[in-house]
Amino acid sequence: MKIVIKVGGSVSISKKGPIFSYFSHLLPVLREIKKKNQLILVIGGGKLTRSYAKSIEKFSLSDKEREDIFIELISANVKFLSSLLKMKPIFSLEKIGKNTTGVIGGIVPGAPMRTEL
């Protein structure tokens, strides 16, 4: 079975980084699902990325420059989760095929970024 699971960044990534207690409960469940299914995980930026966004608001960066920064921050979450689960990090929609499994996030520039904390 093909399964896509969204790991909400706002509940899994604090201002200081990944929340150990959250992932220590989630990882065994994801590993079990991964054994029998084609799994794609999607992870967001979390409070760390929102906090970073808020802190750079007054700098004269273009929207594209800020978006590129946010995508890089979310990419760190992709690398983190894919490493924990021994899955492929995916950084482009073009890399998703019929039998793809992996972790994806932060790939679409222009998506709205809420900065309220």
PDB file of N, CA and C in Angstrom:
ATOM      1  N   MET A   1       0.840  -1.168   0.000  1.00  0.00           N
ATOM      2  CA  MET A   1       0.000   0.000   0.000  1.00  0.00           C
ATOM      3  C   MET A   1       0.893   1.241   0.000  1.00  0.00           C
ATOM      4  N   LYS A   2       0.464   2.280  -0.723  1.00  0.00           N
ATOM      5  CA  LYS A   2       1.161   3.558  -0.732  1.00  0.00           C
ATOM      6  C   LYS A   2       0.584   4.442   0.364  1.00  0.00           C
ATOM      7  N   ILE A   3       1.464   4.977   1.193  1.00  0.00           N
ATOM      8  CA  ILE A   3       1.020   5.830   2.297  1.00  0.00           C
ATOM      9  C   ILE A   3       1.854   7.099   2.312  1.00  0.00           C
ATOM     10  N   VAL A   4       1.185   8.242   2.449  1.00  0.00           N
ATOM     11  CA  VAL A   4       1.856   9.529   2.633  1.00  0.00           C
ATOM     12  C   VAL A   4       1.463  10.036   4.014  1.00  0.00           C
ATOM     13  N   ILE A   5       2.473  10.376   4.817  1.00  0.00           N
ATOM     14  CA  ILE A   5       2.226  10.883   6.169  1.00  0.00           C
ATOM     15  C   ILE A   5       2.879  12.244   6.311  1.00  0.00           C
ATOM     16  N   LYS A   6       2.123  13.211   6.800  1.00  0.00           N
ATOM     17  CA  LYS A   6       2.647  14.548   7.069  1.00  0.00           C
ATOM     18  C   LYS A   6       3.034  14.622   8.535  1.00  0.00           C
ATOM     19  N   VAL A   7       4.310  14.883   8.787  1.00  0.00           N
ATOM     20  CA  VAL A   7       4.797  15.094  10.149  1.00  0.00           C
ATOM     21  C   VAL A   7       4.791  16.605  10.362  1.00  0.00           C
ATOM     22  N   GLY A   8       3.854  17.074  11.149  1.00  0.00           N
ATOM     23  CA  GLY A   8       3.702  18.507  11.348  1.00  0.00           C
ATOM     24  C   GLY A   8       4.914  19.124  12.038  1.00  0.00           C
ATOM     25  N   GLY A   9       5.544  20.049  11.340  1.00  0.00           N
ATOM     26  CA  GLY A   9       6.695  20.733  11.915  1.00  0.00           C
ATOM     27  C   GLY A   9       6.340  21.497  13.179  1.00  0.00           C
ATOM     28  N   SER A  10       5.107  22.042  13.227  1.00  0.00           N
ATOM     29  CA  SER A  10       4.731  22.856  14.384  1.00  0.00           C
ATOM     30  C   SER A  10       4.629  22.050  15.678  1.00  0.00           C
ATOM     31  N   VAL A  11       4.455  20.724  15.571  1.00  0.00           N
ATOM     32  CA  VAL A  11       4.405  19.892  16.780  1.00  0.00           C
ATOM     33  C   VAL A  11       5.673  19.073  16.990  1.00  0.00           C
ATOM     34  N   SER A  12       6.526  18.998  15.967  1.00  0.00           N
ATOM     35  CA  SER A  12       7.706  18.138  16.077  1.00  0.00           C
ATOM     36  C   SER A  12       9.034  18.893  16.155  1.00  0.00           C
ATOM     37  N   ILE A  13       9.021  20.164  15.738  1.00  0.00           N
ATOM     38  CA  ILE A  13      10.245  20.967  15.721  1.00  0.00           C
ATOM     39  C   ILE A  13      10.006  22.237  16.543  1.00  0.00           C
ATOM     40  N   SER A  14      10.702  22.351  17.675  1.00  0.00           N
ATOM     41  CA  SER A  14      10.555  23.536  18.525  1.00  0.00           C
ATOM     42  C   SER A  14      11.482  24.648  18.039  1.00  0.00           C
ATOM     43  N   LYS A  15      11.498  25.771  18.742  1.00  0.00           N
ATOM     44  CA  LYS A  15      12.411  26.868  18.412  1.00  0.00           C
ATOM     45  C   LYS A  15      13.866  26.424  18.533  1.00  0.00           C
ATOM     46  N   LYS A  16      14.107  25.393  19.325  1.00  0.00           N
ATOM     47  CA  LYS A  16      15.472  24.900  19.546  1.00  0.00           C
ATOM     48  C   LYS A  16      15.832  23.723  18.655  1.00  0.00           C
ATOM     49  N   GLY A  17      14.868  23.159  17.936  1.00  0.00           N
ATOM     50  CA  GLY A  17      15.131  22.024  17.057  1.00  0.00           C
ATOM     51  C   GLY A  17      14.169  20.880  17.305  1.00  0.00           C
ATOM     52  N   PRO A  18      14.491  19.689  16.777  1.00  0.00           N
ATOM     53  CA  PRO A  18      13.602  18.527  16.916  1.00  0.00           C
ATOM     54  C   PRO A  18      13.305  18.184  18.384  1.00  0.00           C
ATOM     55  N   ILE A  19      12.069  17.796  18.630  1.00  0.00           N
ATOM     56  CA  ILE A  19      11.620  17.458  19.983  1.00  0.00           C
ATOM     57  C   ILE A  19      11.819  15.956  20.194  1.00  0.00           C
ATOM     58  N   PHE A  20      12.765  15.609  21.064  1.00  0.00           N
ATOM     59  CA  PHE A  20      13.141  14.218  21.279  1.00  0.00           C
ATOM     60  C   PHE A  20      11.943  13.354  21.670  1.00  0.00           C
ATOM     61  N   SER A  21      11.143  13.804  22.620  1.00  0.00           N
ATOM     62  CA  SER A  21      10.028  12.977  23.094  1.00  0.00           C
ATOM     63  C   SER A  21       9.022  12.702  21.970  1.00  0.00           C
ATOM     64  N   TYR A  22       8.800  13.666  21.110  1.00  0.00           N
ATOM     65  CA  TYR A  22       7.880  13.476  19.989  1.00  0.00           C
ATOM     66  C   TYR A  22       8.400  12.385  19.058  1.00  0.00           C
ATOM     67  N   PHE A  23       9.663  12.522  18.655  1.00  0.00           N
ATOM     68  CA  PHE A  23      10.232  11.563  17.707  1.00  0.00           C
ATOM     69  C   PHE A  23      10.450  10.189  18.333  1.00  0.00           C
ATOM     70  N   SER A  24      10.721  10.138  19.630  1.00  0.00           N
ATOM     71  CA  SER A  24      10.917   8.829  20.257  1.00  0.00           C
ATOM     72  C   SER A  24       9.630   8.013  20.263  1.00  0.00           C
ATOM     73  N   HIS A  25       8.482   8.670  20.235  1.00  0.00           N
ATOM     74  CA  HIS A  25       7.202   7.965  20.128  1.00  0.00           C
ATOM     75  C   HIS A  25       6.812   7.696  18.676  1.00  0.00           C
ATOM     76  N   LEU A  26       7.148   8.626  17.799  1.00  0.00           N
ATOM     77  CA  LEU A  26       6.740   8.514  16.405  1.00  0.00           C
ATOM     78  C   LEU A  26       7.574   7.516  15.605  1.00  0.00           C
ATOM     79  N   LEU A  27       8.875   7.488  15.831  1.00  0.00           N
ATOM     80  CA  LEU A  27       9.770   6.662  15.009  1.00  0.00           C
ATOM     81  C   LEU A  27       9.429   5.172  14.998  1.00  0.00           C
ATOM     82  N   PRO A  28       9.123   4.550  16.150  1.00  0.00           N
ATOM     83  CA  PRO A  28       8.767   3.123  16.096  1.00  0.00           C
ATOM     84  C   PRO A  28       7.518   2.857  15.241  1.00  0.00           C
ATOM     85  N   VAL A  29       6.574   3.763  15.289  1.00  0.00           N
ATOM     86  CA  VAL A  29       5.347   3.609  14.500  1.00  0.00           C
ATOM     87  C   VAL A  29       5.671   3.718  13.004  1.00  0.00           C
ATOM     88  N   LEU A  30       6.474   4.728  12.646  1.00  0.00           N
ATOM     89  CA  LEU A  30       6.842   4.903  11.240  1.00  0.00           C
ATOM     90  C   LEU A  30       7.670   3.724  10.721  1.00  0.00           C
ATOM     91  N   ARG A  31       8.564   3.211  11.554  1.00  0.00           N
ATOM     92  CA  ARG A  31       9.373   2.052  11.142  1.00  0.00           C
ATOM     93  C   ARG A  31       8.489   0.837  10.861  1.00  0.00           C
ATOM     94  N   GLU A  32       7.472   0.653  11.672  1.00  0.00           N
ATOM     95  CA  GLU A  32       6.557  -0.473  11.480  1.00  0.00           C
ATOM     96  C   GLU A  32       5.751  -0.294  10.190  1.00  0.00           C
ATOM     97  N   ILE A  33       5.256   0.902   9.949  1.00  0.00           N
ATOM     98  CA  ILE A  33       4.501   1.184   8.723  1.00  0.00           C
ATOM     99  C   ILE A  33       5.403   0.975   7.501  1.00  0.00           C
ATOM    100  N   LYS A  34       6.649   1.419   7.605  1.00  0.00           N
ATOM    101  CA  LYS A  34       7.609   1.339   6.499  1.00  0.00           C
ATOM    102  C   LYS A  34       7.911  -0.103   6.093  1.00  0.00           C
ATOM    103  N   LYS A  35       7.846  -1.021   7.044  1.00  0.00           N
ATOM    104  CA  LYS A  35       8.152  -2.428   6.748  1.00  0.00           C
ATOM    105  C   LYS A  35       7.225  -3.027   5.701  1.00  0.00           C
ATOM    106  N   LYS A  36       5.960  -2.620   5.706  1.00  0.00           N
ATOM    107  CA  LYS A  36       4.955  -3.280   4.869  1.00  0.00           C
ATOM    108  C   LYS A  36       4.338  -2.378   3.803  1.00  0.00           C
ATOM    109  N   ASN A  37       4.820  -1.124   3.720  1.00  0.00           N
ATOM    110  CA  ASN A  37       4.166  -0.176   2.823  1.00  0.00           C
ATOM    111  C   ASN A  37       5.181   0.693   2.087  1.00  0.00           C
ATOM    112  N   GLN A  38       4.739   1.241   0.967  1.00  0.00           N
ATOM    113  CA  GLN A  38       5.504   2.265   0.266  1.00  0.00           C
ATOM    114  C   GLN A  38       5.183   3.575   0.971  1.00  0.00           C
ATOM    115  N   LEU A  39       6.192   4.177   1.593  1.00  0.00           N
ATOM    116  CA  LEU A  39       5.965   5.305   2.486  1.00  0.00           C
ATOM    117  C   LEU A  39       6.676   6.561   1.997  1.00  0.00           C
ATOM    118  N   ILE A  40       5.921   7.647   1.949  1.00  0.00           N
ATOM    119  CA  ILE A  40       6.502   8.971   1.740  1.00  0.00           C
ATOM    120  C   ILE A  40       6.114   9.812   2.948  1.00  0.00           C
ATOM    121  N   LEU A  41       7.120  10.412   3.575  1.00  0.00           N
ATOM    122  CA  LEU A  41       6.901  11.304   4.709  1.00  0.00           C
ATOM    123  C   LEU A  41       7.123  12.738   4.252  1.00  0.00           C
ATOM    124  N   VAL A  42       6.295  13.627   4.745  1.00  0.00           N
ATOM    125  CA  VAL A  42       6.425  15.048   4.460  1.00  0.00           C
ATOM    126  C   VAL A  42       6.628  15.732   5.800  1.00  0.00           C
ATOM    127  N   ILE A  43       7.662  16.584   5.906  1.00  0.00           N
ATOM    128  CA  ILE A  43       7.901  17.291   7.162  1.00  0.00           C
ATOM    129  C   ILE A  43       7.993  18.791   6.900  1.00  0.00           C
ATOM    130  N   GLY A  44       7.469  19.552   7.841  1.00  0.00           N
ATOM    131  CA  GLY A  44       7.484  21.000   7.728  1.00  0.00           C
ATOM    132  C   GLY A  44       8.666  21.634   8.455  1.00  0.00           C
ATOM    133  N   GLY A  45       8.605  22.948   8.555  1.00  0.00           N
ATOM    134  CA  GLY A  45       9.705  23.705   9.139  1.00  0.00           C
ATOM    135  C   GLY A  45       9.639  23.858  10.644  1.00  0.00           C
ATOM    136  N   GLY A  46       8.449  23.882  11.175  1.00  0.00           N
ATOM    137  CA  GLY A  46       8.297  23.990  12.615  1.00  0.00           C
ATOM    138  C   GLY A  46       8.554  25.387  13.153  1.00  0.00           C
ATOM    139  N   LYS A  47       8.550  25.458  14.471  1.00  0.00           N
ATOM    140  CA  LYS A  47       8.710  26.738  15.155  1.00  0.00           C
ATOM    141  C   LYS A  47      10.095  27.333  14.943  1.00  0.00           C
ATOM    142  N   LEU A  48      11.089  26.490  14.712  1.00  0.00           N
ATOM    143  CA  LEU A  48      12.447  26.981  14.453  1.00  0.00           C
ATOM    144  C   LEU A  48      12.467  27.826  13.178  1.00  0.00           C
ATOM    145  N   THR A  49      11.852  27.339  12.123  1.00  0.00           N
ATOM    146  CA  THR A  49      11.816  28.078  10.865  1.00  0.00           C
ATOM    147  C   THR A  49      10.967  29.337  11.006  1.00  0.00           C
ATOM    148  N   ARG A  50       9.856  29.252  11.718  1.00  0.00           N
ATOM    149  CA  ARG A  50       9.011  30.437  11.929  1.00  0.00           C
ATOM    150  C   ARG A  50       9.740  31.495  12.749  1.00  0.00           C
ATOM    151  N   SER A  51      10.467  31.050  13.755  1.00  0.00           N
ATOM    152  CA  SER A  51      11.247  31.970  14.578  1.00  0.00           C
ATOM    153  C   SER A  51      12.336  32.646  13.731  1.00  0.00           C
ATOM    154  N   TYR A  52      12.982  31.864  12.909  1.00  0.00           N
ATOM    155  CA  TYR A  52      14.021  32.395  12.012  1.00  0.00           C
ATOM    156  C   TYR A  52      13.405  33.415  11.054  1.00  0.00           C
ATOM    157  N   ALA A  53      12.234  33.097  10.513  1.00  0.00           N
ATOM    158  CA  ALA A  53      11.545  34.005   9.588  1.00  0.00           C
ATOM    159  C   ALA A  53      11.244  35.333  10.265  1.00  0.00           C
ATOM    160  N   LYS A  54      10.774  35.247  11.489  1.00  0.00           N
ATOM    161  CA  LYS A  54      10.455  36.470  12.244  1.00  0.00           C
ATOM    162  C   LYS A  54      11.716  37.306  12.475  1.00  0.00           C
ATOM    163  N   SER A  55      12.834  36.631  12.752  1.00  0.00           N
ATOM    164  CA  SER A  55      14.066  37.359  13.086  1.00  0.00           C
ATOM    165  C   SER A  55      14.697  38.048  11.882  1.00  0.00           C
ATOM    166  N   ILE A  56      14.359  37.639  10.654  1.00  0.00           N
ATOM    167  CA  ILE A  56      14.965  38.276   9.483  1.00  0.00           C
ATOM    168  C   ILE A  56      14.001  39.212   8.737  1.00  0.00           C
ATOM    169  N   GLU A  57      12.827  39.467   9.311  1.00  0.00           N
ATOM    170  CA  GLU A  57      11.834  40.309   8.651  1.00  0.00           C
ATOM    171  C   GLU A  57      12.348  41.698   8.297  1.00  0.00           C
ATOM    172  N   LYS A  58      13.149  42.311   9.155  1.00  0.00           N
ATOM    173  CA  LYS A  58      13.572  43.704   8.954  1.00  0.00           C
ATOM    174  C   LYS A  58      14.772  43.846   8.023  1.00  0.00           C
ATOM    175  N   PHE A  59      15.364  42.733   7.630  1.00  0.00           N
ATOM    176  CA  PHE A  59      16.467  42.793   6.683  1.00  0.00           C
ATOM    177  C   PHE A  59      15.905  42.985   5.273  1.00  0.00           C
ATOM    178  N   SER A  60      16.652  43.613   4.437  1.00  0.00           N
ATOM    179  CA  SER A  60      16.157  43.899   3.078  1.00  0.00           C
ATOM    180  C   SER A  60      16.436  42.727   2.142  1.00  0.00           C
ATOM    181  N   LEU A  61      15.756  41.627   2.430  1.00  0.00           N
ATOM    182  CA  LEU A  61      15.855  40.439   1.584  1.00  0.00           C
ATOM    183  C   LEU A  61      14.624  40.364   0.682  1.00  0.00           C
ATOM    184  N   SER A  62      14.838  39.895  -0.521  1.00  0.00           N
ATOM    185  CA  SER A  62      13.693  39.708  -1.418  1.00  0.00           C
ATOM    186  C   SER A  62      12.893  38.494  -0.954  1.00  0.00           C
ATOM    187  N   ASP A  63      11.673  38.389  -1.447  1.00  0.00           N
ATOM    188  CA  ASP A  63      10.849  37.220  -1.125  1.00  0.00           C
ATOM    189  C   ASP A  63      11.556  35.941  -1.562  1.00  0.00           C
ATOM    190  N   LYS A  64      12.170  35.965  -2.726  1.00  0.00           N
ATOM    191  CA  LYS A  64      12.884  34.778  -3.233  1.00  0.00           C
ATOM    192  C   LYS A  64      14.042  34.413  -2.310  1.00  0.00           C
ATOM    193  N   GLU A  65      14.795  35.395  -1.852  1.00  0.00           N
ATOM    194  CA  GLU A  65      15.914  35.110  -0.952  1.00  0.00           C
ATOM    195  C   GLU A  65      15.420  34.495   0.359  1.00  0.00           C
ATOM    196  N   ARG A  66      14.346  35.054   0.914  1.00  0.00           N
ATOM    197  CA  ARG A  66      13.782  34.497   2.155  1.00  0.00           C
ATOM    198  C   ARG A  66      13.259  33.084   1.921  1.00  0.00           C
ATOM    199  N   GLU A  67      12.561  32.857   0.824  1.00  0.00           N
ATOM    200  CA  GLU A  67      12.042  31.526   0.514  1.00  0.00           C
ATOM    201  C   GLU A  67      13.173  30.508   0.380  1.00  0.00           C
ATOM    202  N   ASP A  68      14.257  30.912  -0.270  1.00  0.00           N
ATOM    203  CA  ASP A  68      15.403  30.005  -0.413  1.00  0.00           C
ATOM    204  C   ASP A  68      15.972  29.636   0.951  1.00  0.00           C
ATOM    205  N   ILE A  69      16.023  30.604   1.851  1.00  0.00           N
ATOM    206  CA  ILE A  69      16.512  30.352   3.209  1.00  0.00           C
ATOM    207  C   ILE A  69      15.573  29.382   3.930  1.00  0.00           C
ATOM    208  N   PHE A  70      14.282  29.596   3.822  1.00  0.00           N
ATOM    209  CA  PHE A  70      13.317  28.721   4.500  1.00  0.00           C
ATOM    210  C   PHE A  70      13.401  27.300   3.958  1.00  0.00           C
ATOM    211  N   ILE A  71      13.559  27.178   2.648  1.00  0.00           N
ATOM    212  CA  ILE A  71      13.670  25.843   2.046  1.00  0.00           C
ATOM    213  C   ILE A  71      14.906  25.129   2.576  1.00  0.00           C
ATOM    214  N   GLU A  72      16.006  25.852   2.733  1.00  0.00           N
ATOM    215  CA  GLU A  72      17.223  25.248   3.297  1.00  0.00           C
ATOM    216  C   GLU A  72      16.989  24.787   4.733  1.00  0.00           C
ATOM    217  N   LEU A  73      16.284  25.595   5.519  1.00  0.00           N
ATOM    218  CA  LEU A  73      15.997  25.213   6.908  1.00  0.00           C
ATOM    219  C   LEU A  73      15.117  23.965   6.958  1.00  0.00           C
ATOM    220  N   ILE A  74      14.110  23.916   6.118  1.00  0.00           N
ATOM    221  CA  ILE A  74      13.230  22.745   6.080  1.00  0.00           C
ATOM    222  C   ILE A  74      13.992  21.531   5.555  1.00  0.00           C
ATOM    223  N   SER A  75      14.920  21.757   4.637  1.00  0.00           N
ATOM    224  CA  SER A  75      15.748  20.659   4.126  1.00  0.00           C
ATOM    225  C   SER A  75      16.522  19.970   5.242  1.00  0.00           C
ATOM    226  N   ALA A  76      16.921  20.741   6.239  1.00  0.00           N
ATOM    227  CA  ALA A  76      17.610  20.147   7.395  1.00  0.00           C
ATOM    228  C   ALA A  76      16.681  19.167   8.105  1.00  0.00           C
ATOM    229  N   ASN A  77      15.395  19.500   8.214  1.00  0.00           N
ATOM    230  CA  ASN A  77      14.435  18.584   8.835  1.00  0.00           C
ATOM    231  C   ASN A  77      14.256  17.327   7.991  1.00  0.00           C
ATOM    232  N   VAL A  78      14.258  17.491   6.670  1.00  0.00           N
ATOM    233  CA  VAL A  78      14.161  16.344   5.760  1.00  0.00           C
ATOM    234  C   VAL A  78      15.358  15.421   5.972  1.00  0.00           C
ATOM    235  N   LYS A  79      16.549  16.000   6.007  1.00  0.00           N
ATOM    236  CA  LYS A  79      17.772  15.199   6.201  1.00  0.00           C
ATOM    237  C   LYS A  79      17.760  14.506   7.561  1.00  0.00           C
ATOM    238  N   PHE A  80      17.311  15.218   8.586  1.00  0.00           N
ATOM    239  CA  PHE A  80      17.227  14.665   9.940  1.00  0.00           C
ATOM    240  C   PHE A  80      16.322  13.437   9.969  1.00  0.00           C
ATOM    241  N   LEU A  81      15.082  13.587   9.484  1.00  0.00           N
ATOM    242  CA  LEU A  81      14.110  12.496   9.546  1.00  0.00           C
ATOM    243  C   LEU A  81      14.500  11.340   8.620  1.00  0.00           C
ATOM    244  N   SER A  82      15.015  11.655   7.453  1.00  0.00           N
ATOM    245  CA  SER A  82      15.420  10.579   6.537  1.00  0.00           C
ATOM    246  C   SER A  82      16.593   9.793   7.114  1.00  0.00           C
ATOM    247  N   SER A  83      17.487  10.459   7.808  1.00  0.00           N
ATOM    248  CA  SER A  83      18.611   9.755   8.443  1.00  0.00           C
ATOM    249  C   SER A  83      18.125   8.828   9.546  1.00  0.00           C
ATOM    250  N   LEU A  84      17.207   9.310  10.363  1.00  0.00           N
ATOM    251  CA  LEU A  84      16.686   8.488  11.459  1.00  0.00           C
ATOM    252  C   LEU A  84      16.003   7.225  10.949  1.00  0.00           C
ATOM    253  N   LEU A  85      15.337   7.334   9.820  1.00  0.00           N
ATOM    254  CA  LEU A  85      14.556   6.213   9.289  1.00  0.00           C
ATOM    255  C   LEU A  85      15.263   5.471   8.160  1.00  0.00           C
ATOM    256  N   LYS A  86      16.497   5.880   7.856  1.00  0.00           N
ATOM    257  CA  LYS A  86      17.252   5.241   6.765  1.00  0.00           C
ATOM    258  C   LYS A  86      16.440   5.285   5.469  1.00  0.00           C
ATOM    259  N   MET A  87      15.891   6.458   5.186  1.00  0.00           N
ATOM    260  CA  MET A  87      15.103   6.678   3.974  1.00  0.00           C
ATOM    261  C   MET A  87      15.799   7.727   3.114  1.00  0.00           C
ATOM    262  N   LYS A  88      15.411   7.776   1.871  1.00  0.00           N
ATOM    263  CA  LYS A  88      15.986   8.715   0.918  1.00  0.00           C
ATOM    264  C   LYS A  88      15.409  10.115   1.153  1.00  0.00           C
ATOM    265  N   PRO A  89      16.277  11.148   1.280  1.00  0.00           N
ATOM    266  CA  PRO A  89      15.756  12.518   1.313  1.00  0.00           C
ATOM    267  C   PRO A  89      15.382  12.941  -0.108  1.00  0.00           C
ATOM    268  N   ILE A  90      14.238  13.571  -0.263  1.00  0.00           N
ATOM    269  CA  ILE A  90      13.758  13.990  -1.585  1.00  0.00           C
ATOM    270  C   ILE A  90      13.648  15.512  -1.577  1.00  0.00           C
ATOM    271  N   PHE A  91      14.300  16.145  -2.547  1.00  0.00           N
ATOM    272  CA  PHE A  91      14.321  17.601  -2.595  1.00  0.00           C
ATOM    273  C   PHE A  91      13.700  18.169  -3.869  1.00  0.00           C
ATOM    274  N   SER A  92      12.986  17.329  -4.623  1.00  0.00           N
ATOM    275  CA  SER A  92      12.362  17.785  -5.861  1.00  0.00           C
ATOM    276  C   SER A  92      11.154  16.910  -6.175  1.00  0.00           C
ATOM    277  N   LEU A  93      10.084  17.535  -6.620  1.00  0.00           N
ATOM    278  CA  LEU A  93       8.894  16.765  -7.003  1.00  0.00           C
ATOM    279  C   LEU A  93       9.189  15.861  -8.191  1.00  0.00           C
ATOM    280  N   GLU A  94      10.141  16.257  -9.035  1.00  0.00           N
ATOM    281  CA  GLU A  94      10.502  15.442 -10.190  1.00  0.00           C
ATOM    282  C   GLU A  94      11.132  14.109  -9.773  1.00  0.00           C
ATOM    283  N   LYS A  95      11.622  14.027  -8.529  1.00  0.00           N
ATOM    284  CA  LYS A  95      12.270  12.799  -8.048  1.00  0.00           C
ATOM    285  C   LYS A  95      11.263  11.772  -7.530  1.00  0.00           C
ATOM    286  N   ILE A  96       9.981  12.145  -7.514  1.00  0.00           N
ATOM    287  CA  ILE A  96       8.960  11.224  -7.018  1.00  0.00           C
ATOM    288  C   ILE A  96       8.393  10.433  -8.188  1.00  0.00           C
ATOM    289  N   GLY A  97       8.623   9.135  -8.149  1.00  0.00           N
ATOM    290  CA  GLY A  97       8.110   8.238  -9.179  1.00  0.00           C
ATOM    291  C   GLY A  97       7.084   7.281  -8.604  1.00  0.00           C
ATOM    292  N   LYS A  98       6.703   6.332  -9.406  1.00  0.00           N
ATOM    293  CA  LYS A  98       5.663   5.373  -9.027  1.00  0.00           C
ATOM    294  C   LYS A  98       6.015   4.589  -7.766  1.00  0.00           C
ATOM    295  N   ASN A  99       7.270   4.217  -7.606  1.00  0.00           N
ATOM    296  CA  ASN A  99       7.672   3.384  -6.467  1.00  0.00           C
ATOM    297  C   ASN A  99       8.569   4.113  -5.465  1.00  0.00           C
ATOM    298  N   THR A 100       8.504   5.421  -5.454  1.00  0.00           N
ATOM    299  CA  THR A 100       9.365   6.211  -4.582  1.00  0.00           C
ATOM    300  C   THR A 100       8.972   6.078  -3.118  1.00  0.00           C
ATOM    301  N   THR A 101       9.973   5.960  -2.271  1.00  0.00           N
ATOM    302  CA  THR A 101       9.790   6.100  -0.829  1.00  0.00           C
ATOM    303  C   THR A 101      10.821   7.114  -0.364  1.00  0.00           C
ATOM    304  N   GLY A 102      10.522   7.850   0.683  1.00  0.00           N
ATOM    305  CA  GLY A 102      11.481   8.823   1.185  1.00  0.00           C
ATOM    306  C   GLY A 102      10.818   9.900   2.009  1.00  0.00           C
ATOM    307  N   VAL A 103      11.618  10.921   2.312  1.00  0.00           N
ATOM    308  CA  VAL A 103      11.168  12.054   3.126  1.00  0.00           C
ATOM    309  C   VAL A 103      11.317  13.315   2.284  1.00  0.00           C
ATOM    310  N   ILE A 104      10.267  14.125   2.262  1.00  0.00           N
ATOM    311  CA  ILE A 104      10.246  15.331   1.438  1.00  0.00           C
ATOM    312  C   ILE A 104       9.748  16.509   2.262  1.00  0.00           C
ATOM    313  N   GLY A 105      10.114  17.702   1.866  1.00  0.00           N
ATOM    314  CA  GLY A 105       9.623  18.913   2.517  1.00  0.00           C
ATOM    315  C   GLY A 105      10.346  20.131   1.987  1.00  0.00           C
ATOM    316  N   GLY A 106       9.673  21.284   2.040  1.00  0.00           N
ATOM    317  CA  GLY A 106      10.301  22.532   1.648  1.00  0.00           C
ATOM    318  C   GLY A 106      10.743  22.593   0.206  1.00  0.00           C
ATOM    319  N   ILE A 107       9.880  22.228  -0.704  1.00  0.00           N
ATOM    320  CA  ILE A 107      10.308  22.170  -2.104  1.00  0.00           C
ATOM    321  C   ILE A 107       9.615  23.176  -3.002  1.00  0.00           C
ATOM    322  N   VAL A 108       8.563  23.825  -2.531  1.00  0.00           N
ATOM    323  CA  VAL A 108       7.780  24.688  -3.408  1.00  0.00           C
ATOM    324  C   VAL A 108       7.948  26.149  -3.002  1.00  0.00           C
ATOM    325  N   PRO A 109       8.799  26.888  -3.715  1.00  0.00           N
ATOM    326  CA  PRO A 109       8.923  28.322  -3.425  1.00  0.00           C
ATOM    327  C   PRO A 109       7.594  29.023  -3.646  1.00  0.00           C
ATOM    328  N   GLY A 110       7.319  30.038  -2.843  1.00  0.00           N
ATOM    329  CA  GLY A 110       6.088  30.796  -3.005  1.00  0.00           C
ATOM    330  C   GLY A 110       4.984  30.381  -2.061  1.00  0.00           C
ATOM    331  N   ALA A 111       5.175  29.281  -1.340  1.00  0.00           N
ATOM    332  CA  ALA A 111       4.161  28.861  -0.378  1.00  0.00           C
ATOM    333  C   ALA A 111       4.134  29.884   0.757  1.00  0.00           C
ATOM    334  N   PRO A 112       2.963  30.207   1.274  1.00  0.00           N
ATOM    335  CA  PRO A 112       2.898  31.211   2.347  1.00  0.00           C
ATOM    336  C   PRO A 112       3.643  30.752   3.587  1.00  0.00           C
ATOM    337  N   MET A 113       4.331  31.679   4.221  1.00  0.00           N
ATOM    338  CA  MET A 113       5.083  31.391   5.448  1.00  0.00           C
ATOM    339  C   MET A 113       4.505  32.245   6.571  1.00  0.00           C
ATOM    340  N   ARG A 114       3.869  31.596   7.519  1.00  0.00           N
ATOM    341  CA  ARG A 114       3.329  32.319   8.672  1.00  0.00           C
ATOM    342  C   ARG A 114       4.459  32.538   9.664  1.00  0.00           C
ATOM    343  N   THR A 115       4.573  33.770  10.158  1.00  0.00           N
ATOM    344  CA  THR A 115       5.658  34.062  11.092  1.00  0.00           C
ATOM    345  C   THR A 115       5.156  34.267  12.520  1.00  0.00           C
ATOM    346  N   GLU A 116       3.847  34.227  12.733  1.00  0.00           N
ATOM    347  CA  GLU A 116       3.363  34.382  14.099  1.00  0.00           C
ATOM    348  C   GLU A 116       3.797  33.180  14.938  1.00  0.00           C
ATOM    349  N   LEU A 117       4.152  33.442  16.166  1.00  0.00           N
ATOM    350  CA  LEU A 117       4.693  32.383  17.029  1.00  0.00           C
ATOM    351  C   LEU A 117       3.710  31.966  18.078  1.00  0.00           C
TER     352      LEU A 117
END
